Amino acid sequence: MNSLGNIIGEICKVVLPIKQEFYVGNPNSEIAICTLSSISLLDNLKDSGMLSRVAIIGRLFSENKGIDSIVEYVNQNNKIKKIILCGKDVWGHKSGHSLLQLHKNGIDENFRIINSQSPNPYLSVSKEMINYFQKNITLIDLINETDVQVLQNKIKIS
């Protein structure tokens, strides 16, 4: 990531502080939920009792460091088999779109997510970690879904 991007990121942390990034749930669950930019959905899912059925509920704002974190997490926690993408995608960054493109297409020789529409989709995780993510994780694309009941029903049938 370029230095201007890092500076802007640090300014955003001060101007727009985000109170919570994720909530850990059932360590035996194979399911993770990513609410993208929908912080209220993150809290609503936590408060709904969903944490007893899923391993983690988290958000994803960036198409680079955020995706690196998800790829690292699933490599370290090999119980995770499914990630449900829901909530509103991050305007401008399109981090959900980039996660889907990473899963489908991987990265090029410069570690750029192939076919990503994001402005800075460069990853720092290893190619081995990305290969594991592509081969062992199922992404369930419910981008733009913010209804807790719909998501609870999806968990029941997953």
Protein backbone atom coordinates (compact mmCIF):
# COMPACT_ATOMS: atom_id res chain seq x y z
CA MET A 1 0.00 0.00 0.00
CA ASN A 2 1.38 3.44 -0.77
CA SER A 3 2.29 5.92 1.96
CA LEU A 4 -0.56 8.29 1.06
CA GLY A 5 -3.00 5.40 1.54
CA ASN A 6 -1.47 4.64 4.94
CA ILE A 7 -1.77 8.28 6.00
CA ILE A 8 -5.41 8.44 4.88
CA GLY A 9 -6.09 5.18 6.73
CA GLU A 10 -4.65 6.59 9.96
CA ILE A 11 -6.68 9.80 9.59
CA CYS A 12 -9.85 7.73 9.11
CA LYS A 13 -9.13 5.80 12.33
CA VAL A 14 -9.15 9.09 14.25
CA VAL A 15 -12.01 10.82 12.44
CA LEU A 16 -14.25 7.75 12.04
CA PRO A 17 -13.35 5.38 14.88
CA ILE A 18 -14.86 1.91 14.57
CA LYS A 19 -15.67 0.34 17.92
CA GLN A 20 -15.56 -3.35 17.04
CA GLU A 21 -13.98 -5.41 14.29
CA PHE A 22 -15.22 -8.90 15.16
CA TYR A 23 -16.88 -11.14 17.74
CA VAL A 24 -15.66 -14.68 18.44
CA GLY A 25 -18.32 -17.36 18.82
CA ASN A 26 -18.45 -21.16 18.75
CA PRO A 27 -14.90 -22.53 18.27
CA ASN A 28 -16.31 -25.77 16.79
CA SER A 29 -18.33 -24.08 14.04
CA GLU A 30 -17.26 -24.26 10.39
CA ILE A 31 -19.03 -20.99 9.54
CA ALA A 32 -17.80 -17.40 9.62
CA ILE A 33 -19.87 -14.32 8.79
CA CYS A 34 -18.46 -11.19 7.19
CA THR A 35 -20.76 -8.16 7.41
CA LEU A 36 -18.56 -6.00 5.15
CA SER A 37 -19.22 -2.33 6.05
CA SER A 38 -22.49 -2.95 7.95
CA ILE A 39 -21.45 -2.28 11.55
CA SER A 40 -25.05 -2.30 12.82
CA LEU A 41 -25.53 -5.73 11.21
CA LEU A 42 -22.39 -6.94 12.99
CA ASP A 43 -23.90 -5.87 16.32
CA ASN A 44 -27.38 -7.17 15.48
CA LEU A 45 -26.01 -10.60 14.59
CA LYS A 46 -24.02 -10.69 17.82
CA ASP A 47 -27.11 -9.73 19.84
CA SER A 48 -29.31 -12.28 18.00
CA GLY A 49 -27.59 -15.28 19.58
CA MET A 50 -25.88 -16.17 16.30
CA LEU A 51 -22.49 -16.49 18.02
CA SER A 52 -23.49 -19.88 19.41
CA ARG A 53 -23.71 -21.21 15.83
CA VAL A 54 -20.82 -19.49 14.06
CA ALA A 55 -17.09 -19.29 14.76
CA ILE A 56 -16.73 -15.56 14.20
CA ILE A 57 -18.67 -12.55 12.96
CA GLY A 58 -16.54 -9.74 11.57
CA ARG A 59 -16.42 -6.85 9.19
CA LEU A 60 -14.29 -6.13 6.12
CA PHE A 61 -13.51 -2.58 5.08
CA SER A 62 -10.36 -2.84 2.98
CA GLU A 63 -9.47 -4.76 -0.14
CA ASN A 64 -5.92 -5.36 1.06
CA LYS A 65 -5.15 -5.55 4.79
CA GLY A 66 -8.68 -6.71 5.58
CA ILE A 67 -8.56 -9.53 3.04
CA ASP A 68 -5.06 -10.45 4.24
CA SER A 69 -6.55 -10.82 7.75
CA ILE A 70 -9.35 -13.10 6.55
CA VAL A 71 -6.96 -15.31 4.57
CA GLU A 72 -4.61 -15.54 7.56
CA TYR A 73 -7.49 -16.33 9.93
CA VAL A 74 -8.86 -19.23 7.89
CA ASN A 75 -5.34 -20.63 7.45
CA GLN A 76 -4.80 -20.54 11.21
CA ASN A 77 -8.29 -21.84 12.04
CA ASN A 78 -8.71 -24.79 9.71
CA LYS A 79 -12.18 -25.56 11.10
CA ILE A 80 -13.62 -22.71 9.05
CA LYS A 81 -15.10 -24.05 5.80
CA LYS A 82 -17.69 -21.39 4.86
CA ILE A 83 -17.75 -17.61 4.91
CA ILE A 84 -21.07 -15.85 4.49
CA LEU A 85 -20.58 -12.42 2.90
CA CYS A 86 -23.42 -10.10 3.79
CA GLY A 87 -24.16 -6.47 4.49
CA LYS A 88 -23.32 -3.50 2.33
CA ASP A 89 -20.07 -3.56 0.40
CA VAL A 90 -17.65 -0.73 1.13
CA TRP A 91 -18.26 2.10 -1.30
CA GLY A 92 -15.12 2.85 -3.26
CA HIS A 93 -13.15 -0.11 -1.89
CA LYS A 94 -15.51 -2.92 -2.95
CA SER A 95 -13.82 -5.27 -0.49
CA GLY A 96 -16.55 -7.92 -0.80
CA HIS A 97 -16.19 -7.94 -4.56
CA SER A 98 -12.42 -8.28 -4.20
CA LEU A 99 -12.77 -11.20 -1.77
CA LEU A 100 -15.00 -12.99 -4.28
CA GLN A 101 -12.52 -12.28 -7.09
CA LEU A 102 -9.62 -13.55 -4.98
CA HIS A 103 -11.48 -16.79 -4.31
CA LYS A 104 -12.35 -17.21 -7.99
CA ASN A 105 -9.22 -15.92 -9.74
CA GLY A 106 -6.36 -15.64 -7.24
CA ILE A 107 -3.55 -13.13 -7.63
CA ASP A 108 -1.14 -12.14 -10.36
CA GLU A 109 2.67 -12.04 -10.11
CA ASN A 110 2.45 -8.68 -8.29
CA PHE A 111 0.04 -10.07 -5.67
CA ARG A 112 -2.81 -8.04 -7.16
CA ILE A 113 -6.23 -9.68 -6.99
CA ILE A 114 -7.12 -10.66 -10.56
CA ASN A 115 -10.24 -8.88 -11.92
CA SER A 116 -10.69 -6.78 -8.78
CA GLN A 117 -12.38 -3.41 -9.28
CA SER A 118 -10.92 -2.08 -6.03
CA PRO A 119 -8.41 0.77 -6.11
CA ASN A 120 -5.63 -1.03 -4.21
CA PRO A 121 -6.19 -4.82 -4.24
CA TYR A 122 -2.65 -5.88 -3.38
CA LEU A 123 -2.14 -8.61 -0.80
CA SER A 124 0.83 -9.49 1.37
CA VAL A 125 -0.12 -13.03 2.42
CA SER A 126 1.70 -15.96 0.86
CA LYS A 127 0.54 -17.71 -2.29
CA GLU A 128 0.23 -20.90 -0.22
CA MET A 129 -2.24 -19.18 2.11
CA ILE A 130 -4.24 -17.92 -0.87
CA ASN A 131 -4.28 -21.41 -2.40
CA TYR A 132 -5.60 -22.83 0.88
CA PHE A 133 -8.31 -20.14 0.94
CA GLN A 134 -9.34 -20.91 -2.64
CA LYS A 135 -9.42 -24.68 -2.21
CA ASN A 136 -10.84 -25.07 1.30
CA ILE A 137 -13.27 -22.19 1.81
CA THR A 138 -16.74 -21.84 0.32
CA LEU A 139 -17.93 -18.25 -0.04
CA ILE A 140 -21.67 -17.67 0.19
CA ASP A 141 -22.43 -14.41 -1.60
CA LEU A 142 -25.23 -12.59 0.20
CA ILE A 143 -23.77 -9.12 -0.38
CA ASN A 144 -26.41 -6.45 0.34
CA GLU A 145 -28.41 -8.78 2.61
CA THR A 146 -28.94 -7.07 5.98
CA ASP A 147 -31.93 -8.99 7.35
CA VAL A 148 -30.86 -10.95 10.44
CA GLN A 149 -33.69 -13.47 10.00
CA VAL A 150 -32.64 -14.28 6.44
CA LEU A 151 -29.07 -14.81 7.63
CA GLN A 152 -30.20 -16.99 10.55
CA ASN A 153 -32.18 -19.15 8.14
CA LYS A 154 -29.14 -19.44 5.84
CA ILE A 155 -27.05 -20.68 8.77
CA LYS A 156 -29.66 -23.34 9.56
CA ILE A 157 -29.46 -24.79 6.04
CA SER A 158 -25.69 -24.44 5.58
